[in-house]
Amino acid sequence: FQAEKIKNHQPALFNAAKEKLKNWKLTDVQIEQILATG
């Protein structure tokens, strides 16, 4: 959530946060749902 707020300025940080969740076998759909609900 914190990285999403500054993704326009630091997109690499936002992508790293998402990759961490993907390494735990969360799917792209699950990550988008988390971001959508907040």
PDB file of all heavy atoms in Angstrom:
ATOM      1  N   PHE A   1       0.837  -1.215   0.000  1.00  0.00           N
ATOM      2  CA  PHE A   1       0.000   0.000   0.000  1.00  0.00           C
ATOM      3  C   PHE A   1       0.871   1.265   0.000  1.00  0.00           C
ATOM      4  O   PHE A   1       0.570   2.242  -0.690  1.00  0.00           O
ATOM      5  CB  PHE A   1      -0.927  -0.006   1.214  1.00  0.00           C
ATOM      6  CG  PHE A   1      -1.980  -1.102   1.147  1.00  0.00           C
ATOM      7  CD1 PHE A   1      -2.439  -1.715   2.315  1.00  0.00           C
ATOM      8  CD2 PHE A   1      -2.524  -1.500  -0.071  1.00  0.00           C
ATOM      9  CE1 PHE A   1      -3.397  -2.700   2.270  1.00  0.00           C
ATOM     10  CE2 PHE A   1      -3.496  -2.491  -0.108  1.00  0.00           C
ATOM     11  CZ  PHE A   1      -3.926  -3.107   1.056  1.00  0.00           C
ATOM     12  N   GLN A   2       1.955   1.244   0.769  1.00  0.00           N
ATOM     13  CA  GLN A   2       2.837   2.405   0.828  1.00  0.00           C
ATOM     14  C   GLN A   2       3.539   2.627  -0.518  1.00  0.00           C
ATOM     15  O   GLN A   2       3.687   3.760  -0.981  1.00  0.00           O
ATOM     16  CB  GLN A   2       3.872   2.226   1.938  1.00  0.00           C
ATOM     17  CG  GLN A   2       3.297   2.190   3.341  1.00  0.00           C
ATOM     18  CD  GLN A   2       2.592   3.476   3.719  1.00  0.00           C
ATOM     19  OE1 GLN A   2       2.995   4.596   3.313  1.00  0.00           O
ATOM     20  NE2 GLN A   2       1.500   3.360   4.476  1.00  0.00           N
ATOM     21  N   ALA A   3       3.948   1.538  -1.137  1.00  0.00           N
ATOM     22  CA  ALA A   3       4.642   1.663  -2.426  1.00  0.00           C
ATOM     23  C   ALA A   3       3.697   2.121  -3.526  1.00  0.00           C
ATOM     24  O   ALA A   3       4.121   2.792  -4.470  1.00  0.00           O
ATOM     25  CB  ALA A   3       5.264   0.318  -2.796  1.00  0.00           C
ATOM     26  N   GLU A   4       2.401   1.797  -3.376  1.00  0.00           N
ATOM     27  CA  GLU A   4       1.432   2.210  -4.396  1.00  0.00           C
ATOM     28  C   GLU A   4       1.292   3.732  -4.424  1.00  0.00           C
ATOM     29  O   GLU A   4       1.076   4.329  -5.490  1.00  0.00           O
ATOM     30  CB  GLU A   4       0.086   1.554  -4.128  1.00  0.00           C
ATOM     31  CG  GLU A   4      -0.955   1.858  -5.213  1.00  0.00           C
ATOM     32  CD  GLU A   4      -2.318   1.314  -4.858  1.00  0.00           C
ATOM     33  OE1 GLU A   4      -2.566   1.058  -3.648  1.00  0.00           O
ATOM     34  OE2 GLU A   4      -3.140   1.128  -5.764  1.00  0.00           O
ATOM     35  N   LYS A   5       1.433   4.344  -3.264  1.00  0.00           N
ATOM     36  CA  LYS A   5       1.246   5.796  -3.186  1.00  0.00           C
ATOM     37  C   LYS A   5       2.342   6.545  -3.939  1.00  0.00           C
ATOM     38  O   LYS A   5       2.136   7.662  -4.390  1.00  0.00           O
ATOM     39  CB  LYS A   5       1.225   6.239  -1.723  1.00  0.00           C
ATOM     40  CG  LYS A   5       0.040   5.694  -0.954  1.00  0.00           C
ATOM     41  CD  LYS A   5       0.099   6.090   0.528  1.00  0.00           C
ATOM     42  CE  LYS A   5      -1.054   5.502   1.313  1.00  0.00           C
ATOM     43  NZ  LYS A   5      -0.970   5.863   2.765  1.00  0.00           N
ATOM     44  N   ILE A   6       3.533   5.940  -4.045  1.00  0.00           N
ATOM     45  CA  ILE A   6       4.648   6.641  -4.701  1.00  0.00           C
ATOM     46  C   ILE A   6       5.084   5.914  -5.970  1.00  0.00           C
ATOM     47  O   ILE A   6       6.242   6.015  -6.411  1.00  0.00           O
ATOM     48  CB  ILE A   6       5.827   6.776  -3.724  1.00  0.00           C
ATOM     49  CG1 ILE A   6       6.279   5.391  -3.232  1.00  0.00           C
ATOM     50  CG2 ILE A   6       5.499   7.690  -2.565  1.00  0.00           C
ATOM     51  CD1 ILE A   6       7.544   5.429  -2.389  1.00  0.00           C
ATOM     52  N   LYS A   7       4.133   5.125  -6.540  1.00  0.00           N
ATOM     53  CA  LYS A   7       4.528   4.322  -7.693  1.00  0.00           C
ATOM     54  C   LYS A   7       4.871   5.175  -8.913  1.00  0.00           C
ATOM     55  O   LYS A   7       5.634   4.745  -9.771  1.00  0.00           O
ATOM     56  CB  LYS A   7       3.448   3.314  -8.036  1.00  0.00           C
ATOM     57  CG  LYS A   7       2.157   3.939  -8.555  1.00  0.00           C
ATOM     58  CD  LYS A   7       1.144   2.849  -8.892  1.00  0.00           C
ATOM     59  CE  LYS A   7      -0.160   3.466  -9.426  1.00  0.00           C
ATOM     60  NZ  LYS A   7      -1.145   2.429  -9.788  1.00  0.00           N
ATOM     61  N   ASN A   8       4.285   6.418  -8.961  1.00  0.00           N
ATOM     62  CA  ASN A   8       4.605   7.263 -10.109  1.00  0.00           C
ATOM     63  C   ASN A   8       6.028   7.772 -10.046  1.00  0.00           C
ATOM     64  O   ASN A   8       6.654   8.015 -11.076  1.00  0.00           O
ATOM     65  CB  ASN A   8       3.628   8.430 -10.194  1.00  0.00           C
ATOM     66  CG  ASN A   8       2.212   7.967 -10.501  1.00  0.00           C
ATOM     67  OD1 ASN A   8       2.026   6.949 -11.169  1.00  0.00           O
ATOM     68  ND2 ASN A   8       1.213   8.688  -9.991  1.00  0.00           N
ATOM     69  N   HIS A   9       6.529   7.974  -8.816  1.00  0.00           N
ATOM     70  CA  HIS A   9       7.880   8.482  -8.639  1.00  0.00           C
ATOM     71  C   HIS A   9       8.902   7.344  -8.515  1.00  0.00           C
ATOM     72  O   HIS A   9      10.027   7.469  -8.971  1.00  0.00           O
ATOM     73  CB  HIS A   9       7.953   9.388  -7.396  1.00  0.00           C
ATOM     74  CG  HIS A   9       7.010  10.556  -7.463  1.00  0.00           C
ATOM     75  ND1 HIS A   9       7.203  11.635  -8.318  1.00  0.00           N
ATOM     76  CD2 HIS A   9       5.846  10.825  -6.781  1.00  0.00           C
ATOM     77  CE1 HIS A   9       6.203  12.500  -8.167  1.00  0.00           C
ATOM     78  NE2 HIS A   9       5.374  12.025  -7.232  1.00  0.00           N
ATOM     79  N   GLN A  10       8.484   6.241  -7.865  1.00  0.00           N
ATOM     80  CA  GLN A  10       9.396   5.094  -7.676  1.00  0.00           C
ATOM     81  C   GLN A  10       8.668   3.794  -8.082  1.00  0.00           C
ATOM     82  O   GLN A  10       8.253   3.001  -7.235  1.00  0.00           O
ATOM     83  CB  GLN A  10       9.869   5.013  -6.226  1.00  0.00           C
ATOM     84  CG  GLN A  10      10.718   6.198  -5.805  1.00  0.00           C
ATOM     85  CD  GLN A  10      11.330   5.989  -4.420  1.00  0.00           C
ATOM     86  OE1 GLN A  10      11.341   4.888  -3.876  1.00  0.00           O
ATOM     87  NE2 GLN A  10      11.840   7.077  -3.855  1.00  0.00           N
ATOM     88  N   PRO A  11       8.496   3.582  -9.359  1.00  0.00           N
ATOM     89  CA  PRO A  11       7.783   2.373  -9.806  1.00  0.00           C
ATOM     90  C   PRO A  11       8.534   1.092  -9.453  1.00  0.00           C
ATOM     91  O   PRO A  11       7.916   0.055  -9.260  1.00  0.00           O
ATOM     92  CB  PRO A  11       7.695   2.579 -11.322  1.00  0.00           C
ATOM     93  CG  PRO A  11       8.792   3.535 -11.664  1.00  0.00           C
ATOM     94  CD  PRO A  11       8.925   4.438 -10.478  1.00  0.00           C
ATOM     95  N   ALA A  12       9.851   1.159  -9.370  1.00  0.00           N
ATOM     96  CA  ALA A  12      10.626  -0.047  -9.049  1.00  0.00           C
ATOM     97  C   ALA A  12      10.275  -0.568  -7.657  1.00  0.00           C
ATOM     98  O   ALA A  12      10.190  -1.788  -7.425  1.00  0.00           O
ATOM     99  CB  ALA A  12      12.116   0.245  -9.143  1.00  0.00           C
ATOM    100  N   LEU A  13      10.062   0.339  -6.700  1.00  0.00           N
ATOM    101  CA  LEU A  13       9.700  -0.055  -5.346  1.00  0.00           C
ATOM    102  C   LEU A  13       8.342  -0.732  -5.325  1.00  0.00           C
ATOM    103  O   LEU A  13       8.129  -1.737  -4.620  1.00  0.00           O
ATOM    104  CB  LEU A  13       9.711   1.170  -4.427  1.00  0.00           C
ATOM    105  CG  LEU A  13       9.470   0.898  -2.947  1.00  0.00           C
ATOM    106  CD1 LEU A  13      10.551  -0.020  -2.384  1.00  0.00           C
ATOM    107  CD2 LEU A  13       9.404   2.209  -2.168  1.00  0.00           C
ATOM    108  N   PHE A  14       7.406  -0.187  -6.125  1.00  0.00           N
ATOM    109  CA  PHE A  14       6.058  -0.769  -6.198  1.00  0.00           C
ATOM    110  C   PHE A  14       6.123  -2.185  -6.811  1.00  0.00           C
ATOM    111  O   PHE A  14       5.487  -3.123  -6.324  1.00  0.00           O
ATOM    112  CB  PHE A  14       5.159   0.151  -7.015  1.00  0.00           C
ATOM    113  CG  PHE A  14       3.760  -0.384  -7.204  1.00  0.00           C
ATOM    114  CD1 PHE A  14       2.901  -0.531  -6.121  1.00  0.00           C
ATOM    115  CD2 PHE A  14       3.296  -0.745  -8.476  1.00  0.00           C
ATOM    116  CE1 PHE A  14       1.613  -1.007  -6.303  1.00  0.00           C
ATOM    117  CE2 PHE A  14       2.027  -1.226  -8.652  1.00  0.00           C
ATOM    118  CZ  PHE A  14       1.169  -1.364  -7.570  1.00  0.00           C
ATOM    119  N   ASN A  15       6.902  -2.314  -7.860  1.00  0.00           N
ATOM    120  CA  ASN A  15       7.024  -3.636  -8.500  1.00  0.00           C
ATOM    121  C   ASN A  15       7.699  -4.644  -7.571  1.00  0.00           C
ATOM    122  O   ASN A  15       7.344  -5.834  -7.556  1.00  0.00           O
ATOM    123  CB  ASN A  15       7.816  -3.516  -9.797  1.00  0.00           C
ATOM    124  CG  ASN A  15       7.053  -2.769 -10.874  1.00  0.00           C
ATOM    125  OD1 ASN A  15       5.806  -2.771 -10.873  1.00  0.00           O
ATOM    126  ND2 ASN A  15       7.772  -2.095 -11.773  1.00  0.00           N
ATOM    127  N   ALA A  16       8.666  -4.214  -6.786  1.00  0.00           N
ATOM    128  CA  ALA A  16       9.340  -5.111  -5.840  1.00  0.00           C
ATOM    129  C   ALA A  16       8.367  -5.605  -4.777  1.00  0.00           C
ATOM    130  O   ALA A  16       8.413  -6.775  -4.352  1.00  0.00           O
ATOM    131  CB  ALA A  16      10.524  -4.398  -5.199  1.00  0.00           C
ATOM    132  N   ALA A  17       7.465  -4.729  -4.327  1.00  0.00           N
ATOM    133  CA  ALA A  17       6.470  -5.130  -3.322  1.00  0.00           C
ATOM    134  C   ALA A  17       5.531  -6.184  -3.890  1.00  0.00           C
ATOM    135  O   ALA A  17       5.121  -7.136  -3.192  1.00  0.00           O
ATOM    136  CB  ALA A  17       5.698  -3.899  -2.851  1.00  0.00           C
ATOM    137  N   LYS A  18       5.156  -6.018  -5.173  1.00  0.00           N
ATOM    138  CA  LYS A  18       4.274  -7.016  -5.786  1.00  0.00           C
ATOM    139  C   LYS A  18       5.002  -8.355  -6.006  1.00  0.00           C
ATOM    140  O   LYS A  18       4.420  -9.436  -5.796  1.00  0.00           O
ATOM    141  CB  LYS A  18       3.743  -6.497  -7.127  1.00  0.00           C
ATOM    142  CG  LYS A  18       2.711  -5.390  -6.978  1.00  0.00           C
ATOM    143  CD  LYS A  18       1.856  -5.251  -8.236  1.00  0.00           C
ATOM    144  CE  LYS A  18       2.674  -4.836  -9.424  1.00  0.00           C
ATOM    145  NZ  LYS A  18       1.813  -4.596 -10.618  1.00  0.00           N
ATOM    146  N   GLU A  19       6.293  -8.295  -6.379  1.00  0.00           N
ATOM    147  CA  GLU A  19       7.052  -9.525  -6.611  1.00  0.00           C
ATOM    148  C   GLU A  19       7.211 -10.333  -5.326  1.00  0.00           C
ATOM    149  O   GLU A  19       7.242 -11.564  -5.352  1.00  0.00           O
ATOM    150  CB  GLU A  19       8.431  -9.193  -7.189  1.00  0.00           C
ATOM    151  CG  GLU A  19       8.409  -8.771  -8.645  1.00  0.00           C
ATOM    152  CD  GLU A  19       7.860  -9.855  -9.549  1.00  0.00           C
ATOM    153  OE1 GLU A  19       8.155 -11.060  -9.288  1.00  0.00           O
ATOM    154  OE2 GLU A  19       7.144  -9.537 -10.510  1.00  0.00           O
ATOM    155  N   LYS A  20       7.303  -9.603  -4.211  1.00  0.00           N
ATOM    156  CA  LYS A  20       7.420 -10.315  -2.927  1.00  0.00           C
ATOM    157  C   LYS A  20       6.198 -11.184  -2.680  1.00  0.00           C
ATOM    158  O   LYS A  20       6.292 -12.325  -2.232  1.00  0.00           O
ATOM    159  CB  LYS A  20       7.611  -9.295  -1.803  1.00  0.00           C
ATOM    160  CG  LYS A  20       7.841  -9.925  -0.443  1.00  0.00           C
ATOM    161  CD  LYS A  20       8.120  -8.867   0.613  1.00  0.00           C
ATOM    162  CE  LYS A  20       8.402  -9.498   1.965  1.00  0.00           C
ATOM    163  NZ  LYS A  20       8.680  -8.474   3.004  1.00  0.00           N
ATOM    164  N   LEU A  21       5.011 -10.639  -2.991  1.00  0.00           N
ATOM    165  CA  LEU A  21       3.779 -11.415  -2.812  1.00  0.00           C
ATOM    166  C   LEU A  21       3.697 -12.553  -3.824  1.00  0.00           C
ATOM    167  O   LEU A  21       3.198 -13.654  -3.525  1.00  0.00           O
ATOM    168  CB  LEU A  21       2.567 -10.493  -2.940  1.00  0.00           C
ATOM    169  CG  LEU A  21       2.404  -9.438  -1.831  1.00  0.00           C
ATOM    170  CD1 LEU A  21       1.225  -8.520  -2.131  1.00  0.00           C
ATOM    171  CD2 LEU A  21       2.215 -10.110  -0.476  1.00  0.00           C
ATOM    172  N   LYS A  22       4.187 -12.304  -5.043  1.00  0.00           N
ATOM    173  CA  LYS A  22       4.156 -13.361  -6.057  1.00  0.00           C
ATOM    174  C   LYS A  22       5.055 -14.531  -5.670  1.00  0.00           C
ATOM    175  O   LYS A  22       4.760 -15.692  -5.983  1.00  0.00           O
ATOM    176  CB  LYS A  22       4.585 -12.804  -7.414  1.00  0.00           C
ATOM    177  CG  LYS A  22       3.542 -11.916  -8.078  1.00  0.00           C
ATOM    178  CD  LYS A  22       4.031 -11.429  -9.442  1.00  0.00           C
ATOM    179  CE  LYS A  22       2.988 -10.535 -10.118  1.00  0.00           C
ATOM    180  NZ  LYS A  22       3.464 -10.067 -11.448  1.00  0.00           N
ATOM    181  N   ASN A  23       6.163 -14.206  -4.974  1.00  0.00           N
ATOM    182  CA  ASN A  23       7.046 -15.282  -4.522  1.00  0.00           C
ATOM    183  C   ASN A  23       6.361 -16.185  -3.503  1.00  0.00           C
ATOM    184  O   ASN A  23       6.785 -17.332  -3.307  1.00  0.00           O
ATOM    185  CB  ASN A  23       8.324 -14.706  -3.919  1.00  0.00           C
ATOM    186  CG  ASN A  23       9.227 -14.097  -4.968  1.00  0.00           C
ATOM    187  OD1 ASN A  23       9.136 -14.449  -6.149  1.00  0.00           O
ATOM    188  ND2 ASN A  23      10.092 -13.167  -4.567  1.00  0.00           N
ATOM    189  N   TRP A  24       5.335 -15.664  -2.849  1.00  0.00           N
ATOM    190  CA  TRP A  24       4.555 -16.472  -1.919  1.00  0.00           C
ATOM    191  C   TRP A  24       3.368 -17.133  -2.614  1.00  0.00           C
ATOM    192  O   TRP A  24       2.443 -17.592  -1.964  1.00  0.00           O
ATOM    193  CB  TRP A  24       4.058 -15.583  -0.766  1.00  0.00           C
ATOM    194  CG  TRP A  24       5.160 -15.188   0.184  1.00  0.00           C
ATOM    195  CD1 TRP A  24       6.382 -15.750   0.303  1.00  0.00           C
ATOM    196  CD2 TRP A  24       5.103 -14.138   1.131  1.00  0.00           C
ATOM    197  NE1 TRP A  24       7.112 -15.132   1.269  1.00  0.00           N
ATOM    198  CE2 TRP A  24       6.350 -14.122   1.821  1.00  0.00           C
ATOM    199  CE3 TRP A  24       4.136 -13.181   1.492  1.00  0.00           C
ATOM    200  CZ2 TRP A  24       6.650 -13.209   2.826  1.00  0.00           C
ATOM    201  CZ3 TRP A  24       4.451 -12.275   2.515  1.00  0.00           C
ATOM    202  CH2 TRP A  24       5.695 -12.298   3.170  1.00  0.00           C
ATOM    203  N   LYS A  25       3.418 -17.175  -3.959  1.00  0.00           N
ATOM    204  CA  LYS A  25       2.427 -17.835  -4.794  1.00  0.00           C
ATOM    205  C   LYS A  25       1.077 -17.134  -4.801  1.00  0.00           C
ATOM    206  O   LYS A  25       0.045 -17.792  -5.067  1.00  0.00           O
ATOM    207  CB  LYS A  25       2.254 -19.301  -4.362  1.00  0.00           C
ATOM    208  CG  LYS A  25       3.512 -20.136  -4.503  1.00  0.00           C
ATOM    209  CD  LYS A  25       3.995 -20.191  -5.943  1.00  0.00           C
ATOM    210  CE  LYS A  25       5.260 -21.035  -6.083  1.00  0.00           C
ATOM    211  NZ  LYS A  25       5.774 -21.077  -7.458  1.00  0.00           N
ATOM    212  N   LEU A  26       1.052 -15.828  -4.530  1.00  0.00           N
ATOM    213  CA  LEU A  26      -0.184 -15.076  -4.746  1.00  0.00           C
ATOM    214  C   LEU A  26      -0.266 -14.749  -6.238  1.00  0.00           C
ATOM    215  O   LEU A  26       0.733 -14.367  -6.865  1.00  0.00           O
ATOM    216  CB  LEU A  26      -0.200 -13.786  -3.930  1.00  0.00           C
ATOM    217  CG  LEU A  26      -0.816 -13.887  -2.519  1.00  0.00           C
ATOM    218  CD1 LEU A  26       0.121 -14.658  -1.597  1.00  0.00           C
ATOM    219  CD2 LEU A  26      -1.120 -12.498  -1.958  1.00  0.00           C
ATOM    220  N   THR A  27      -1.464 -14.893  -6.789  1.00  0.00           N
ATOM    221  CA  THR A  27      -1.645 -14.635  -8.208  1.00  0.00           C
ATOM    222  C   THR A  27      -1.826 -13.136  -8.456  1.00  0.00           C
ATOM    223  O   THR A  27      -2.085 -12.343  -7.530  1.00  0.00           O
ATOM    224  CB  THR A  27      -2.868 -15.400  -8.733  1.00  0.00           C
ATOM    225  OG1 THR A  27      -4.038 -14.888  -8.096  1.00  0.00           O
ATOM    226  CG2 THR A  27      -2.730 -16.894  -8.463  1.00  0.00           C
ATOM    227  N   ASP A  28      -1.704 -12.760  -9.727  1.00  0.00           N
ATOM    228  CA  ASP A  28      -1.923 -11.361 -10.096  1.00  0.00           C
ATOM    229  C   ASP A  28      -3.336 -10.913  -9.750  1.00  0.00           C
ATOM    230  O   ASP A  28      -3.564  -9.764  -9.330  1.00  0.00           O
ATOM    231  CB  ASP A  28      -1.678 -11.166 -11.600  1.00  0.00           C
ATOM    232  CG  ASP A  28      -0.200 -11.298 -11.954  1.00  0.00           C
ATOM    233  OD1 ASP A  28       0.636 -11.004 -11.073  1.00  0.00           O
ATOM    234  OD2 ASP A  28       0.104 -11.687 -13.095  1.00  0.00           O
ATOM    235  N   VAL A  29      -4.285 -11.820  -9.901  1.00  0.00           N
ATOM    236  CA  VAL A  29      -5.689 -11.485  -9.582  1.00  0.00           C
ATOM    237  C   VAL A  29      -5.824 -11.188  -8.101  1.00  0.00           C
ATOM    238  O   VAL A  29      -6.507 -10.223  -7.698  1.00  0.00           O
ATOM    239  CB  VAL A  29      -6.612 -12.635 -10.009  1.00  0.00           C
ATOM    240  CG1 VAL A  29      -8.048 -12.356  -9.562  1.00  0.00           C
ATOM    241  CG2 VAL A  29      -6.552 -12.829 -11.524  1.00  0.00           C
ATOM    242  N   GLN A  30      -5.188 -12.017  -7.243  1.00  0.00           N
ATOM    243  CA  GLN A  30      -5.274 -11.798  -5.798  1.00  0.00           C
ATOM    244  C   GLN A  30      -4.620 -10.467  -5.410  1.00  0.00           C
ATOM    245  O   GLN A  30      -5.144  -9.731  -4.543  1.00  0.00           O
ATOM    246  CB  GLN A  30      -4.589 -12.960  -5.059  1.00  0.00           C
ATOM    247  CG  GLN A  30      -5.361 -14.271  -5.118  1.00  0.00           C
ATOM    248  CD  GLN A  30      -4.585 -15.408  -4.452  1.00  0.00           C
ATOM    249  OE1 GLN A  30      -3.404 -15.609  -4.733  1.00  0.00           O
ATOM    250  NE2 GLN A  30      -5.265 -16.131  -3.589  1.00  0.00           N
ATOM    251  N   ILE A  31      -3.491 -10.148  -6.030  1.00  0.00           N
ATOM    252  CA  ILE A  31      -2.807  -8.876  -5.703  1.00  0.00           C
ATOM    253  C   ILE A  31      -3.670  -7.688  -6.116  1.00  0.00           C
ATOM    254  O   ILE A  31      -3.779  -6.685  -5.381  1.00  0.00           O
ATOM    255  CB  ILE A  31      -1.433  -8.848  -6.393  1.00  0.00           C
ATOM    256  CG1 ILE A  31      -0.514  -9.944  -5.814  1.00  0.00           C
ATOM    257  CG2 ILE A  31      -0.777  -7.480  -6.236  1.00  0.00           C
ATOM    258  CD1 ILE A  31       0.805 -10.097  -6.539  1.00  0.00           C
ATOM    259  N   GLU A  32      -4.309  -7.759  -7.291  1.00  0.00           N
ATOM    260  CA  GLU A  32      -5.181  -6.671  -7.744  1.00  0.00           C
ATOM    261  C   GLU A  32      -6.376  -6.509  -6.814  1.00  0.00           C
ATOM    262  O   GLU A  32      -6.840  -5.381  -6.560  1.00  0.00           O
ATOM    263  CB  GLU A  32      -5.643  -6.933  -9.177  1.00  0.00           C
ATOM    264  CG  GLU A  32      -4.534  -6.853 -10.212  1.00  0.00           C
ATOM    265  CD  GLU A  32      -3.875  -5.482 -10.244  1.00  0.00           C
ATOM    266  OE1 GLU A  32      -4.574  -4.460  -9.986  1.00  0.00           O
ATOM    267  OE2 GLU A  32      -2.660  -5.413 -10.517  1.00  0.00           O
ATOM    268  N   GLN A  33      -6.888  -7.640  -6.305  1.00  0.00           N
ATOM    269  CA  GLN A  33      -8.008  -7.560  -5.361  1.00  0.00           C
ATOM    270  C   GLN A  33      -7.585  -6.860  -4.072  1.00  0.00           C
ATOM    271  O   GLN A  33      -8.342  -6.065  -3.492  1.00  0.00           O
ATOM    272  CB  GLN A  33      -8.529  -8.971  -5.051  1.00  0.00           C
ATOM    273  CG  GLN A  33      -9.303  -9.608  -6.187  1.00  0.00           C
ATOM    274  CD  GLN A  33      -9.751 -11.019  -5.838  1.00  0.00           C
ATOM    275  OE1 GLN A  33      -9.316 -11.592  -4.849  1.00  0.00           O
ATOM    276  NE2 GLN A  33     -10.642 -11.558  -6.660  1.00  0.00           N
ATOM    277  N   ILE A  34      -6.373  -7.163  -3.597  1.00  0.00           N
ATOM    278  CA  ILE A  34      -5.871  -6.512  -2.369  1.00  0.00           C
ATOM    279  C   ILE A  34      -5.747  -5.002  -2.590  1.00  0.00           C
ATOM    280  O   ILE A  34      -6.140  -4.182  -1.748  1.00  0.00           O
ATOM    281  CB  ILE A  34      -4.519  -7.133  -1.958  1.00  0.00           C
ATOM    282  CG1 ILE A  34      -4.710  -8.586  -1.520  1.00  0.00           C
ATOM    283  CG2 ILE A  34      -3.872  -6.323  -0.840  1.00  0.00           C
ATOM    284  CD1 ILE A  34      -3.415  -9.331  -1.277  1.00  0.00           C
ATOM    285  N   LEU A  35      -5.206  -4.616  -3.752  1.00  0.00           N
ATOM    286  CA  LEU A  35      -5.042  -3.199  -4.053  1.00  0.00           C
ATOM    287  C   LEU A  35      -6.398  -2.506  -4.221  1.00  0.00           C
ATOM    288  O   LEU A  35      -6.572  -1.340  -3.830  1.00  0.00           O
ATOM    289  CB  LEU A  35      -4.214  -3.018  -5.324  1.00  0.00           C
ATOM    290  CG  LEU A  35      -2.727  -3.413  -5.220  1.00  0.00           C
ATOM    291  CD1 LEU A  35      -2.071  -3.387  -6.588  1.00  0.00           C
ATOM    292  CD2 LEU A  35      -2.003  -2.474  -4.253  1.00  0.00           C
ATOM    293  N   ALA A  36      -7.365  -3.240  -4.794  1.00  0.00           N
ATOM    294  CA  ALA A  36      -8.688  -2.643  -5.024  1.00  0.00           C
ATOM    295  C   ALA A  36      -9.421  -2.395  -3.722  1.00  0.00           C
ATOM    296  O   ALA A  36     -10.098  -1.365  -3.552  1.00  0.00           O
ATOM    297  CB  ALA A  36      -9.506  -3.536  -5.942  1.00  0.00           C
ATOM    298  N   THR A  37      -9.301  -3.334  -2.774  1.00  0.00           N
ATOM    299  CA  THR A  37     -10.025  -3.175  -1.502  1.00  0.00           C
ATOM    300  C   THR A  37      -9.303  -2.225  -0.573  1.00  0.00           C
ATOM    301  O   THR A  37      -9.925  -1.549   0.250  1.00  0.00           O
ATOM    302  CB  THR A  37     -10.196  -4.534  -0.806  1.00  0.00           C
ATOM    303  OG1 THR A  37      -8.892  -5.089  -0.589  1.00  0.00           O
ATOM    304  CG2 THR A  37     -11.021  -5.483  -1.664  1.00  0.00           C
ATOM    305  N   GLY A  38      -7.967  -2.222  -0.653  1.00  0.00           N
ATOM    306  CA  GLY A  38      -7.183  -1.375   0.239  1.00  0.00           C
ATOM    307  C   GLY A  38      -7.154  -1.889   1.650  1.00  0.00           C
ATOM    308  O   GLY A  38      -6.735  -1.164   2.552  1.00  0.00           O
TER     309      GLY A  38
END
